[in-house]
């Protein structure tokens, strides 16, 4: 039973890695984001091939129930990824707002220059 779980987990990790590479190749995801997800897929494959690793990590940090350590790690990784996405989204919104303001200023200056040329 354990061998089937190891094989399934490893195959899921490798499948995710290949899917991410496919998305990068089709230009559906940036390479910086893809590296994160490939790292996650590699970790899943590693834990599938070496299931005792999560037990060692859990005992090292003082967690007696190793699946809880795995879930805690997954939640922390997803929270960090969510925070990083929010930071990136905020930066893009700020840049877009500034670009719109610059364009509005350029249009106003262009309109006032057109009116001055008409008067001359």
PDB file of N, CA and C in Angstrom:
ATOM      1  N   UNK A   1       0.825  -1.199   0.000  1.00  0.00           N
ATOM      2  CA  UNK A   1       0.000   0.000   0.000  1.00  0.00           C
ATOM      3  C   UNK A   1       0.862   1.253   0.000  1.00  0.00           C
ATOM      4  N   UNK A   2       1.941   1.245   0.809  1.00  0.00           N
ATOM      5  CA  UNK A   2       2.794   2.418   0.895  1.00  0.00           C
ATOM      6  C   UNK A   2       3.525   2.667  -0.414  1.00  0.00           C
ATOM      7  N   UNK A   3       3.902   1.608  -1.115  1.00  0.00           N
ATOM      8  CA  UNK A   3       4.594   1.779  -2.392  1.00  0.00           C
ATOM      9  C   UNK A   3       3.673   2.453  -3.406  1.00  0.00           C
ATOM     10  N   UNK A   4       2.396   2.095  -3.407  1.00  0.00           N
ATOM     11  CA  UNK A   4       1.452   2.743  -4.325  1.00  0.00           C
ATOM     12  C   UNK A   4       1.321   4.230  -4.029  1.00  0.00           C
ATOM     13  N   UNK A   5       1.277   4.592  -2.757  1.00  0.00           N
ATOM     14  CA  UNK A   5       1.196   5.998  -2.364  1.00  0.00           C
ATOM     15  C   UNK A   5       2.451   6.748  -2.788  1.00  0.00           C
ATOM     16  N   UNK A   6       3.613   6.139  -2.605  1.00  0.00           N
ATOM     17  CA  UNK A   6       4.869   6.773  -3.008  1.00  0.00           C
ATOM     18  C   UNK A   6       4.908   6.988  -4.517  1.00  0.00           C
ATOM     19  N   UNK A   7       4.505   5.990  -5.265  1.00  0.00           N
ATOM     20  CA  UNK A   7       4.514   6.097  -6.732  1.00  0.00           C
ATOM     21  C   UNK A   7       3.523   7.165  -7.183  1.00  0.00           C
ATOM     22  N   UNK A   8       2.330   7.167  -6.592  1.00  0.00           N
ATOM     23  CA  UNK A   8       1.314   8.155  -6.966  1.00  0.00           C
ATOM     24  C   UNK A   8       1.780   9.569  -6.659  1.00  0.00           C
ATOM     25  N   UNK A   9       2.319   9.781  -5.471  1.00  0.00           N
ATOM     26  CA  UNK A   9       2.792  11.110  -5.086  1.00  0.00           C
ATOM     27  C   UNK A   9       3.931  11.567  -5.985  1.00  0.00           C
ATOM     28  N   UNK A  10       4.850  10.678  -6.263  1.00  0.00           N
ATOM     29  CA  UNK A  10       5.971  11.018  -7.137  1.00  0.00           C
ATOM     30  C   UNK A  10       5.490  11.356  -8.546  1.00  0.00           C
ATOM     31  N   UNK A  11       4.577  10.564  -9.066  1.00  0.00           N
ATOM     32  CA  UNK A  11       4.048  10.825 -10.404  1.00  0.00           C
ATOM     33  C   UNK A  11       3.263  12.129 -10.461  1.00  0.00           C
ATOM     34  N   UNK A  12       2.524  12.435  -9.404  1.00  0.00           N
ATOM     35  CA  UNK A  12       1.811  13.710  -9.360  1.00  0.00           C
ATOM     36  C   UNK A  12       2.785  14.885  -9.363  1.00  0.00           C
ATOM     37  N   UNK A  13       3.852  14.779  -8.599  1.00  0.00           N
ATOM     38  CA  UNK A  13       4.861  15.835  -8.575  1.00  0.00           C
ATOM     39  C   UNK A  13       5.526  16.022  -9.925  1.00  0.00           C
ATOM     40  N   UNK A  14       5.904  14.923 -10.551  1.00  0.00           N
ATOM     41  CA  UNK A  14       6.528  15.005 -11.870  1.00  0.00           C
ATOM     42  C   UNK A  14       5.539  15.504 -12.925  1.00  0.00           C
ATOM     43  N   UNK A  15       4.298  15.048 -12.832  1.00  0.00           N
ATOM     44  CA  UNK A  15       3.272  15.515 -13.764  1.00  0.00           C
ATOM     45  C   UNK A  15       3.029  17.013 -13.635  1.00  0.00           C
ATOM     46  N   UNK A  16       3.016  17.499 -12.407  1.00  0.00           N
ATOM     47  CA  UNK A  16       2.846  18.935 -12.180  1.00  0.00           C
ATOM     48  C   UNK A  16       4.021  19.712 -12.760  1.00  0.00           C
ATOM     49  N   UNK A  17       5.217  19.199 -12.575  1.00  0.00           N
ATOM     50  CA  UNK A  17       6.403  19.870 -13.119  1.00  0.00           C
ATOM     51  C   UNK A  17       6.320  19.948 -14.643  1.00  0.00           C
ATOM     52  N   UNK A  18       5.937  18.861 -15.302  1.00  0.00           N
ATOM     53  CA  UNK A  18       5.817  18.879 -16.756  1.00  0.00           C
ATOM     54  C   UNK A  18       4.695  19.813 -17.207  1.00  0.00           C
ATOM     55  N   UNK A  19       3.603  19.864 -16.462  1.00  0.00           N
ATOM     56  CA  UNK A  19       2.510  20.762 -16.805  1.00  0.00           C
ATOM     57  C   UNK A  19       2.954  22.221 -16.692  1.00  0.00           C
ATOM     58  N   UNK A  20       3.715  22.536 -15.660  1.00  0.00           N
ATOM     59  CA  UNK A  20       4.225  23.896 -15.491  1.00  0.00           C
ATOM     60  C   UNK A  20       5.157  24.252 -16.648  1.00  0.00           C
ATOM     61  N   UNK A  21       6.021  23.331 -17.023  1.00  0.00           N
ATOM     62  CA  UNK A  21       6.902  23.586 -18.166  1.00  0.00           C
ATOM     63  C   UNK A  21       6.083  23.803 -19.449  1.00  0.00           C
ATOM     64  N   UNK A  22       5.007  23.059 -19.611  1.00  0.00           N
ATOM     65  CA  UNK A  22       4.120  23.242 -20.760  1.00  0.00           C
ATOM     66  C   UNK A  22       3.522  24.652 -20.743  1.00  0.00           C
ATOM     67  N   UNK A  23       3.089  25.113 -19.564  1.00  0.00           N
ATOM     68  CA  UNK A  23       2.518  26.457 -19.448  1.00  0.00           C
ATOM     69  C   UNK A  23       3.545  27.536 -19.758  1.00  0.00           C
ATOM     70  N   UNK A  24       4.780  27.325 -19.340  1.00  0.00           N
ATOM     71  CA  UNK A  24       5.845  28.282 -19.653  1.00  0.00           C
ATOM     72  C   UNK A  24       6.090  28.306 -21.151  1.00  0.00           C
ATOM     73  N   UNK A  25       6.139  27.143 -21.746  1.00  0.00           N
ATOM     74  CA  UNK A  25       6.389  27.040 -23.191  1.00  0.00           C
ATOM     75  C   UNK A  25       5.288  27.720 -23.999  1.00  0.00           C
ATOM     76  N   UNK A  26       4.051  27.626 -23.534  1.00  0.00           N
ATOM     77  CA  UNK A  26       2.915  28.265 -24.214  1.00  0.00           C
ATOM     78  C   UNK A  26       2.763  29.734 -23.819  1.00  0.00           C
ATOM     79  N   UNK A  27       3.643  30.231 -22.961  1.00  0.00           N
ATOM     80  CA  UNK A  27       3.643  31.615 -22.489  1.00  0.00           C
ATOM     81  C   UNK A  27       2.372  31.954 -21.709  1.00  0.00           C
ATOM     82  N   UNK A  28       1.899  30.994 -20.910  1.00  0.00           N
ATOM     83  CA  UNK A  28       0.741  31.222 -20.054  1.00  0.00           C
ATOM     84  C   UNK A  28       1.152  31.584 -18.629  1.00  0.00           C
ATOM     85  N   UNK A  29       2.425  31.417 -18.302  1.00  0.00           N
ATOM     86  CA  UNK A  29       2.913  31.722 -16.963  1.00  0.00           C
ATOM     87  C   UNK A  29       4.362  32.205 -17.093  1.00  0.00           C
ATOM     88  N   UNK A  30       4.711  33.206 -16.299  1.00  0.00           N
ATOM     89  CA  UNK A  30       6.077  33.725 -16.314  1.00  0.00           C
ATOM     90  C   UNK A  30       7.023  32.727 -15.663  1.00  0.00           C
ATOM     91  N   UNK A  31       8.258  32.783 -16.098  1.00  0.00           N
ATOM     92  CA  UNK A  31       9.259  31.830 -15.603  1.00  0.00           C
ATOM     93  C   UNK A  31       9.491  31.999 -14.100  1.00  0.00           C
ATOM     94  N   UNK A  32       9.405  33.222 -13.595  1.00  0.00           N
ATOM     95  CA  UNK A  32       9.623  33.427 -12.155  1.00  0.00           C
ATOM     96  C   UNK A  32       8.536  32.724 -11.332  1.00  0.00           C
ATOM     97  N   UNK A  33       7.313  32.741 -11.813  1.00  0.00           N
ATOM     98  CA  UNK A  33       6.226  32.036 -11.125  1.00  0.00           C
ATOM     99  C   UNK A  33       6.369  30.521 -11.337  1.00  0.00           C
ATOM    100  N   UNK A  34       6.799  30.150 -12.516  1.00  0.00           N
ATOM    101  CA  UNK A  34       6.951  28.725 -12.832  1.00  0.00           C
ATOM    102  C   UNK A  34       8.021  28.084 -11.957  1.00  0.00           C
ATOM    103  N   UNK A  35       9.084  28.812 -11.661  1.00  0.00           N
ATOM    104  CA  UNK A  35      10.143  28.252 -10.816  1.00  0.00           C
ATOM    105  C   UNK A  35       9.612  27.900  -9.434  1.00  0.00           C
ATOM    106  N   UNK A  36       8.743  28.736  -8.909  1.00  0.00           N
ATOM    107  CA  UNK A  36       8.124  28.441  -7.615  1.00  0.00           C
ATOM    108  C   UNK A  36       7.339  27.135  -7.685  1.00  0.00           C
ATOM    109  N   UNK A  37       6.478  27.010  -8.697  1.00  0.00           N
ATOM    110  CA  UNK A  37       5.625  25.834  -8.796  1.00  0.00           C
ATOM    111  C   UNK A  37       6.419  24.575  -9.145  1.00  0.00           C
ATOM    112  N   UNK A  38       7.481  24.719  -9.915  1.00  0.00           N
ATOM    113  CA  UNK A  38       8.337  23.562 -10.197  1.00  0.00           C
ATOM    114  C   UNK A  38       9.035  23.118  -8.917  1.00  0.00           C
ATOM    115  N   UNK A  39       9.413  24.076  -8.082  1.00  0.00           N
ATOM    116  CA  UNK A  39       9.987  23.732  -6.783  1.00  0.00           C
ATOM    117  C   UNK A  39       9.005  22.968  -5.913  1.00  0.00           C
ATOM    118  N   UNK A  40       7.751  23.395  -5.922  1.00  0.00           N
ATOM    119  CA  UNK A  40       6.706  22.694  -5.161  1.00  0.00           C
ATOM    120  C   UNK A  40       6.518  21.281  -5.719  1.00  0.00           C
ATOM    121  N   UNK A  41       6.493  21.167  -7.039  1.00  0.00           N
ATOM    122  CA  UNK A  41       6.330  19.850  -7.669  1.00  0.00           C
ATOM    123  C   UNK A  41       7.520  18.955  -7.338  1.00  0.00           C
ATOM    124  N   UNK A  42       8.714  19.516  -7.349  1.00  0.00           N
ATOM    125  CA  UNK A  42       9.903  18.742  -6.988  1.00  0.00           C
ATOM    126  C   UNK A  42       9.854  18.276  -5.541  1.00  0.00           C
ATOM    127  N   UNK A  43       9.376  19.138  -4.670  1.00  0.00           N
ATOM    128  CA  UNK A  43       9.234  18.759  -3.262  1.00  0.00           C
ATOM    129  C   UNK A  43       8.222  17.631  -3.096  1.00  0.00           C
ATOM    130  N   UNK A  44       7.122  17.709  -3.845  1.00  0.00           N
ATOM    131  CA  UNK A  44       6.117  16.633  -3.781  1.00  0.00           C
ATOM    132  C   UNK A  44       6.710  15.322  -4.275  1.00  0.00           C
ATOM    133  N   UNK A  45       7.476  15.387  -5.360  1.00  0.00           N
ATOM    134  CA  UNK A  45       8.119  14.175  -5.883  1.00  0.00           C
ATOM    135  C   UNK A  45       9.133  13.629  -4.884  1.00  0.00           C
ATOM    136  N   UNK A  46       9.888  14.524  -4.241  1.00  0.00           N
ATOM    137  CA  UNK A  46      10.879  14.101  -3.248  1.00  0.00           C
ATOM    138  C   UNK A  46      10.205  13.433  -2.053  1.00  0.00           C
ATOM    139  N   UNK A  47       9.119  14.022  -1.583  1.00  0.00           N
ATOM    140  CA  UNK A  47       8.404  13.420  -0.451  1.00  0.00           C
ATOM    141  C   UNK A  47       7.758  12.096  -0.841  1.00  0.00           C
ATOM    142  N   UNK A  48       7.390  11.971  -2.112  1.00  0.00           N
ATOM    143  CA  UNK A  48       6.845  10.699  -2.573  1.00  0.00           C
ATOM    144  C   UNK A  48       7.907   9.615  -2.640  1.00  0.00           C
ATOM    145  N   UNK A  49       9.104  10.007  -3.069  1.00  0.00           N
ATOM    146  CA  UNK A  49      10.188   9.029  -3.160  1.00  0.00           C
ATOM    147  C   UNK A  49      10.789   8.711  -1.795  1.00  0.00           C
ATOM    148  N   UNK A  50      10.777   9.683  -0.895  1.00  0.00           N
ATOM    149  CA  UNK A  50      11.384   9.510   0.427  1.00  0.00           C
ATOM    150  C   UNK A  50      10.386   9.960   1.497  1.00  0.00           C
ATOM    151  N   UNK A  51       9.379   9.142   1.806  1.00  0.00           N
ATOM    152  CA  UNK A  51       8.325   9.553   2.739  1.00  0.00           C
ATOM    153  C   UNK A  51       8.819   9.740   4.174  1.00  0.00           C
ATOM    154  N   UNK A  52       9.927   9.140   4.532  1.00  0.00           N
ATOM    155  CA  UNK A  52      10.457   9.325   5.882  1.00  0.00           C
ATOM    156  C   UNK A  52      10.988  10.724   6.121  1.00  0.00           C
ATOM    157  N   UNK A  53      11.179  11.486   5.038  1.00  0.00           N
ATOM    158  CA  UNK A  53      11.705  12.844   5.172  1.00  0.00           C
ATOM    159  C   UNK A  53      10.754  13.728   5.968  1.00  0.00           C
ATOM    160  N   UNK A  54       9.460  13.619   5.730  1.00  0.00           N
ATOM    161  CA  UNK A  54       8.502  14.446   6.462  1.00  0.00           C
ATOM    162  C   UNK A  54       8.490  14.076   7.940  1.00  0.00           C
ATOM    163  N   UNK A  55       8.707  12.800   8.261  1.00  0.00           N
ATOM    164  CA  UNK A  55       8.794  12.390   9.662  1.00  0.00           C
ATOM    165  C   UNK A  55      10.013  13.021  10.326  1.00  0.00           C
ATOM    166  N   UNK A  56      11.114  13.036   9.620  1.00  0.00           N
ATOM    167  CA  UNK A  56      12.340  13.641  10.180  1.00  0.00           C
ATOM    168  C   UNK A  56      12.177  15.139  10.376  1.00  0.00           C
ATOM    169  N   UNK A  57      11.591  15.797   9.392  1.00  0.00           N
ATOM    170  CA  UNK A  57      11.390  17.243   9.509  1.00  0.00           C
ATOM    171  C   UNK A  57      10.445  17.545  10.665  1.00  0.00           C
ATOM    172  N   UNK A  58       9.370  16.774  10.793  1.00  0.00           N
ATOM    173  CA  UNK A  58       8.401  16.987  11.877  1.00  0.00           C
ATOM    174  C   UNK A  58       9.054  16.800  13.240  1.00  0.00           C
ATOM    175  N   UNK A  59       9.844  15.752  13.398  1.00  0.00           N
ATOM    176  CA  UNK A  59      10.502  15.542  14.693  1.00  0.00           C
ATOM    177  C   UNK A  59      11.549  16.618  14.955  1.00  0.00           C
ATOM    178  N   UNK A  60      12.184  17.115  13.910  1.00  0.00           N
ATOM    179  CA  UNK A  60      13.205  18.160  14.052  1.00  0.00           C
ATOM    180  C   UNK A  60      12.591  19.467  14.567  1.00  0.00           C
ATOM    181  N   UNK A  61      11.370  19.798  14.107  1.00  0.00           N
ATOM    182  CA  UNK A  61      10.722  21.031  14.564  1.00  0.00           C
ATOM    183  C   UNK A  61       9.816  20.805  15.770  1.00  0.00           C
ATOM    184  N   UNK A  62       9.706  19.564  16.243  1.00  0.00           N
ATOM    185  CA  UNK A  62       8.955  19.283  17.457  1.00  0.00           C
ATOM    186  C   UNK A  62       7.481  18.989  17.243  1.00  0.00           C
ATOM    187  N   UNK A  63       7.103  18.543  16.063  1.00  0.00           N
ATOM    188  CA  UNK A  63       5.716  18.182  15.790  1.00  0.00           C
ATOM    189  C   UNK A  63       5.625  16.657  15.843  1.00  0.00           C
ATOM    190  N   UNK A  64       4.734  16.169  16.703  1.00  0.00           N
ATOM    191  CA  UNK A  64       4.680  14.714  16.912  1.00  0.00           C
ATOM    192  C   UNK A  64       3.881  13.987  15.826  1.00  0.00           C
ATOM    193  N   UNK A  65       2.959  14.667  15.170  1.00  0.00           N
ATOM    194  CA  UNK A  65       2.138  14.042  14.134  1.00  0.00           C
ATOM    195  C   UNK A  65       2.587  14.600  12.781  1.00  0.00           C
ATOM    196  N   UNK A  66       3.349  13.817  12.040  1.00  0.00           N
ATOM    197  CA  UNK A  66       4.003  14.318  10.832  1.00  0.00           C
ATOM    198  C   UNK A  66       3.040  14.804   9.740  1.00  0.00           C
ATOM    199  N   UNK A  67       1.856  14.206   9.544  1.00  0.00           N
ATOM    200  CA  UNK A  67       0.949  14.795   8.544  1.00  0.00           C
ATOM    201  C   UNK A  67       0.535  16.231   8.885  1.00  0.00           C
ATOM    202  N   UNK A  68       0.488  16.549  10.173  1.00  0.00           N
ATOM    203  CA  UNK A  68       0.174  17.930  10.570  1.00  0.00           C
ATOM    204  C   UNK A  68       1.295  18.870  10.127  1.00  0.00           C
ATOM    205  N   UNK A  69       2.533  18.402  10.179  1.00  0.00           N
ATOM    206  CA  UNK A  69       3.652  19.214   9.716  1.00  0.00           C
ATOM    207  C   UNK A  69       3.563  19.457   8.218  1.00  0.00           C
ATOM    208  N   UNK A  70       3.152  18.436   7.494  1.00  0.00           N
ATOM    209  CA  UNK A  70       2.991  18.571   6.051  1.00  0.00           C
ATOM    210  C   UNK A  70       1.902  19.599   5.721  1.00  0.00           C
ATOM    211  N   UNK A  71       0.773  19.525   6.415  1.00  0.00           N
ATOM    212  CA  UNK A  71      -0.308  20.485   6.187  1.00  0.00           C
ATOM    213  C   UNK A  71       0.092  21.891   6.607  1.00  0.00           C
ATOM    214  N   UNK A  72       0.793  22.004   7.721  1.00  0.00           N
ATOM    215  CA  UNK A  72       1.263  23.308   8.163  1.00  0.00           C
ATOM    216  C   UNK A  72       2.217  23.909   7.132  1.00  0.00           C
ATOM    217  N   UNK A  73       3.118  23.103   6.625  1.00  0.00           N
ATOM    218  CA  UNK A  73       4.046  23.573   5.592  1.00  0.00           C
ATOM    219  C   UNK A  73       3.321  24.026   4.337  1.00  0.00           C
ATOM    220  N   UNK A  74       2.309  23.268   3.928  1.00  0.00           N
ATOM    221  CA  UNK A  74       1.540  23.633   2.738  1.00  0.00           C
ATOM    222  C   UNK A  74       0.798  24.948   2.946  1.00  0.00           C
ATOM    223  N   UNK A  75       0.211  25.129   4.119  1.00  0.00           N
ATOM    224  CA  UNK A  75      -0.507  26.367   4.407  1.00  0.00           C
ATOM    225  C   UNK A  75       0.452  27.556   4.413  1.00  0.00           C
ATOM    226  N   UNK A  76       1.608  27.391   5.029  1.00  0.00           N
ATOM    227  CA  UNK A  76       2.598  28.480   5.072  1.00  0.00           C
ATOM    228  C   UNK A  76       3.056  28.839   3.663  1.00  0.00           C
ATOM    229  N   UNK A  77       3.352  27.842   2.838  1.00  0.00           N
ATOM    230  CA  UNK A  77       3.794  28.104   1.464  1.00  0.00           C
ATOM    231  C   UNK A  77       2.715  28.838   0.686  1.00  0.00           C
ATOM    232  N   UNK A  78       1.464  28.415   0.812  1.00  0.00           N
ATOM    233  CA  UNK A  78       0.380  29.078   0.089  1.00  0.00           C
ATOM    234  C   UNK A  78       0.125  30.494   0.604  1.00  0.00           C
ATOM    235  N   UNK A  79       0.280  30.719   1.903  1.00  0.00           N
ATOM    236  CA  UNK A  79       0.132  32.069   2.438  1.00  0.00           C
ATOM    237  C   UNK A  79       1.228  32.993   1.913  1.00  0.00           C
ATOM    238  N   UNK A  80       2.465  32.493   1.872  1.00  0.00           N
ATOM    239  CA  UNK A  80       3.576  33.297   1.343  1.00  0.00           C
ATOM    240  C   UNK A  80       3.347  33.600  -0.128  1.00  0.00           C
ATOM    241  N   UNK A  81       2.904  32.601  -0.892  1.00  0.00           N
ATOM    242  CA  UNK A  81       2.629  32.812  -2.313  1.00  0.00           C
ATOM    243  C   UNK A  81       1.504  33.826  -2.497  1.00  0.00           C
ATOM    244  N   UNK A  82       0.472  33.747  -1.687  1.00  0.00           N
ATOM    245  CA  UNK A  82      -0.636  34.691  -1.763  1.00  0.00           C
ATOM    246  C   UNK A  82      -0.167  36.107  -1.441  1.00  0.00           C
ATOM    247  N   UNK A  83       0.636  36.253  -0.411  1.00  0.00           N
ATOM    248  CA  UNK A  83       1.170  37.563  -0.043  1.00  0.00           C
ATOM    249  C   UNK A  83       2.033  38.127  -1.169  1.00  0.00           C
ATOM    250  N   UNK A  84       2.882  37.290  -1.755  1.00  0.00           N
ATOM    251  CA  UNK A  84       3.729  37.728  -2.862  1.00  0.00           C
ATOM    252  C   UNK A  84       2.872  38.171  -4.057  1.00  0.00           C
ATOM    253  N   UNK A  85       1.803  37.429  -4.328  1.00  0.00           N
ATOM    254  CA  UNK A  85       0.905  37.796  -5.430  1.00  0.00           C
ATOM    255  C   UNK A  85       0.212  39.123  -5.150  1.00  0.00           C
ATOM    256  N   UNK A  86      -0.200  39.347  -3.917  1.00  0.00           N
ATOM    257  CA  UNK A  86      -0.834  40.616  -3.567  1.00  0.00           C
ATOM    258  C   UNK A  86       0.143  41.778  -3.704  1.00  0.00           C
ATOM    259  N   UNK A  87       1.382  41.578  -3.301  1.00  0.00           N
ATOM    260  CA  UNK A  87       2.397  42.628  -3.438  1.00  0.00           C
ATOM    261  C   UNK A  87       2.615  42.950  -4.906  1.00  0.00           C
ATOM    262  N   UNK A  88       2.748  41.931  -5.734  1.00  0.00           N
ATOM    263  CA  UNK A  88       2.947  42.132  -7.167  1.00  0.00           C
ATOM    264  C   UNK A  88       1.742  42.825  -7.791  1.00  0.00           C
ATOM    265  N   UNK A  89       0.545  42.396  -7.415  1.00  0.00           N
ATOM    266  CA  UNK A  89      -0.683  43.002  -7.942  1.00  0.00           C
ATOM    267  C   UNK A  89      -0.760  44.477  -7.561  1.00  0.00           C
ATOM    268  N   UNK A  90      -0.405  44.815  -6.325  1.00  0.00           N
ATOM    269  CA  UNK A  90      -0.424  46.198  -5.866  1.00  0.00           C
ATOM    270  C   UNK A  90       0.566  47.039  -6.655  1.00  0.00           C
ATOM    271  N   UNK A  91       1.753  46.520  -6.893  1.00  0.00           N
ATOM    272  CA  UNK A  91       2.749  47.250  -7.674  1.00  0.00           C
ATOM    273  C   UNK A  91       2.254  47.505  -9.096  1.00  0.00           C
ATOM    274  N   UNK A  92       1.647  46.496  -9.703  1.00  0.00           N
ATOM    275  CA  UNK A  92       1.126  46.663 -11.063  1.00  0.00           C
ATOM    276  C   UNK A  92      -0.005  47.688 -11.111  1.00  0.00           C
ATOM    277  N   UNK A  93      -0.892  47.646 -10.123  1.00  0.00           N
ATOM    278  CA  UNK A  93      -1.976  48.633 -10.071  1.00  0.00           C
ATOM    279  C   UNK A  93      -1.420  50.039  -9.914  1.00  0.00           C
ATOM    280  N   UNK A  94      -0.418  50.204  -9.068  1.00  0.00           N
ATOM    281  CA  UNK A  94       0.198  51.510  -8.857  1.00  0.00           C
ATOM    282  C   UNK A  94       0.840  52.008 -10.153  1.00  0.00           C
ATOM    283  N   UNK A  95       1.557  51.139 -10.849  1.00  0.00           N
ATOM    284  CA  UNK A  95       2.187  51.528 -12.111  1.00  0.00           C
ATOM    285  C   UNK A  95       1.139  51.891 -13.159  1.00  0.00           C
ATOM    286  N   UNK A  96       0.062  51.126 -13.222  1.00  0.00           N
ATOM    287  CA  UNK A  96      -1.005  51.409 -14.181  1.00  0.00           C
ATOM    288  C   UNK A  96      -1.681  52.742 -13.874  1.00  0.00           C
ATOM    289  N   UNK A  97      -1.931  53.018 -12.609  1.00  0.00           N
ATOM    290  CA  UNK A  97      -2.546  54.283 -12.217  1.00  0.00           C
ATOM    291  C   UNK A  97      -1.647  55.455 -12.608  1.00  0.00           C
ATOM    292  N   UNK A  98      -0.340  55.325 -12.350  1.00  0.00           N
ATOM    293  CA  UNK A  98       0.596  56.396 -12.713  1.00  0.00           C
ATOM    294  C   UNK A  98       0.672  56.576 -14.228  1.00  0.00           C
ATOM    295  N   UNK A  99       0.644  55.486 -14.961  1.00  0.00           N
ATOM    296  CA  UNK A  99       0.662  55.564 -16.414  1.00  0.00           C
ATOM    297  C   UNK A  99      -0.592  56.270 -16.930  1.00  0.00           C
ATOM    298  N   UNK A 100      -1.743  55.946 -16.363  1.00  0.00           N
ATOM    299  CA  UNK A 100      -2.986  56.617 -16.756  1.00  0.00           C
ATOM    300  C   UNK A 100      -2.929  58.113 -16.444  1.00  0.00           C
ATOM    301  N   UNK A 101      -2.355  58.465 -15.310  1.00  0.00           N
ATOM    302  CA  UNK A 101      -2.234  59.875 -14.959  1.00  0.00           C
ATOM    303  C   UNK A 101      -1.307  60.598 -15.929  1.00  0.00           C
ATOM    304  N   UNK A 102      -0.202  59.980 -16.289  1.00  0.00           N
ATOM    305  CA  UNK A 102       0.719  60.595 -17.251  1.00  0.00           C
ATOM    306  C   UNK A 102       0.054  60.763 -18.611  1.00  0.00           C
ATOM    307  N   UNK A 103      -0.690  59.761 -19.026  1.00  0.00           N
ATOM    308  CA  UNK A 103      -1.379  59.863 -20.308  1.00  0.00           C
ATOM    309  C   UNK A 103      -2.418  60.983 -20.272  1.00  0.00           C
ATOM    310  N   UNK A 104      -3.127  61.109 -19.165  1.00  0.00           N
ATOM    311  CA  UNK A 104      -4.122  62.171 -19.036  1.00  0.00           C
ATOM    312  C   UNK A 104      -3.438  63.533 -19.098  1.00  0.00           C
ATOM    313  N   UNK A 105      -2.300  63.674 -18.443  1.00  0.00           N
ATOM    314  CA  UNK A 105      -1.561  64.933 -18.501  1.00  0.00           C
ATOM    315  C   UNK A 105      -1.080  65.230 -19.916  1.00  0.00           C
ATOM    316  N   UNK A 106      -0.604  64.218 -20.611  1.00  0.00           N
ATOM    317  CA  UNK A 106      -0.137  64.409 -21.977  1.00  0.00           C
ATOM    318  C   UNK A 106      -1.290  64.807 -22.892  1.00  0.00           C
ATOM    319  N   UNK A 107      -2.466  64.213 -22.693  1.00  0.00           N
ATOM    320  CA  UNK A 107      -3.626  64.564 -23.505  1.00  0.00           C
ATOM    321  C   UNK A 107      -4.060  66.000 -23.237  1.00  0.00           C
ATOM    322  N   UNK A 108      -4.039  66.414 -21.973  1.00  0.00           N
ATOM    323  CA  UNK A 108      -4.413  67.784 -21.630  1.00  0.00           C
ATOM    324  C   UNK A 108      -3.416  68.757 -22.247  1.00  0.00           C
ATOM    325  N   UNK A 109      -2.132  68.453 -22.155  1.00  0.00           N
ATOM    326  CA  UNK A 109      -1.109  69.324 -22.749  1.00  0.00           C
ATOM    327  C   UNK A 109      -1.231  69.342 -24.269  1.00  0.00           C
ATOM    328  N   UNK A 110      -1.558  68.209 -24.858  1.00  0.00           N
ATOM    329  CA  UNK A 110      -1.737  68.144 -26.309  1.00  0.00           C
ATOM    330  C   UNK A 110      -2.939  68.946 -26.750  1.00  0.00           C
ATOM    331  N   UNK A 111      -4.026  68.907 -25.984  1.00  0.00           N
ATOM    332  CA  UNK A 111      -5.231  69.658 -26.324  1.00  0.00           C
ATOM    333  C   UNK A 111      -4.961  71.150 -26.183  1.00  0.00           C
ATOM    334  N   UNK A 112      -4.275  71.555 -25.132  1.00  0.00           N
ATOM    335  CA  UNK A 112      -4.005  72.990 -24.948  1.00  0.00           C
ATOM    336  C   UNK A 112      -3.035  73.483 -26.031  1.00  0.00           C
ATOM    337  N   UNK A 113      -2.100  72.637 -26.468  1.00  0.00           N
ATOM    338  CA  UNK A 113      -1.189  73.033 -27.533  1.00  0.00           C
ATOM    339  C   UNK A 113      -1.938  73.156 -28.849  1.00  0.00           C
ATOM    340  N   UNK A 114      -2.926  72.281 -29.093  1.00  0.00           N
ATOM    341  CA  UNK A 114      -3.728  72.350 -30.312  1.00  0.00           C
ATOM    342  C   UNK A 114      -4.545  73.626 -30.341  1.00  0.00           C
ATOM    343  N   UNK A 115      -5.113  74.014 -29.188  1.00  0.00           N
ATOM    344  CA  UNK A 115      -5.907  75.228 -29.133  1.00  0.00           C
ATOM    345  C   UNK A 115      -5.050  76.460 -29.362  1.00  0.00           C
ATOM    346  N   UNK A 116      -3.831  76.473 -28.853  1.00  0.00           N
ATOM    347  CA  UNK A 116      -2.928  77.602 -29.046  1.00  0.00           C
ATOM    348  C   UNK A 116      -2.536  77.717 -30.504  1.00  0.00           C
ATOM    349  N   UNK A 117      -2.316  76.583 -31.186  1.00  0.00           N
ATOM    350  CA  UNK A 117      -1.922  76.637 -32.591  1.00  0.00           C
ATOM    351  C   UNK A 117      -3.091  77.115 -33.455  1.00  0.00           C
ATOM    352  N   UNK A 118      -4.330  76.792 -33.032  1.00  0.00           N
ATOM    353  CA  UNK A 118      -5.497  77.248 -33.777  1.00  0.00           C
ATOM    354  C   UNK A 118      -5.674  78.761 -33.682  1.00  0.00           C
ATOM    355  N   UNK A 119      -5.332  79.300 -32.508  1.00  0.00           N
ATOM    356  CA  UNK A 119      -5.480  80.736 -32.290  1.00  0.00           C
ATOM    357  C   UNK A 119      -4.450  81.522 -33.072  1.00  0.00           C
ATOM    358  N   UNK A 120      -3.295  80.983 -33.349  1.00  0.00           N
ATOM    359  CA  UNK A 120      -2.209  81.729 -34.010  1.00  0.00           C
ATOM    360  C   UNK A 120      -2.395  81.883 -35.482  1.00  0.00           C
TER     361      UNK A 120
END
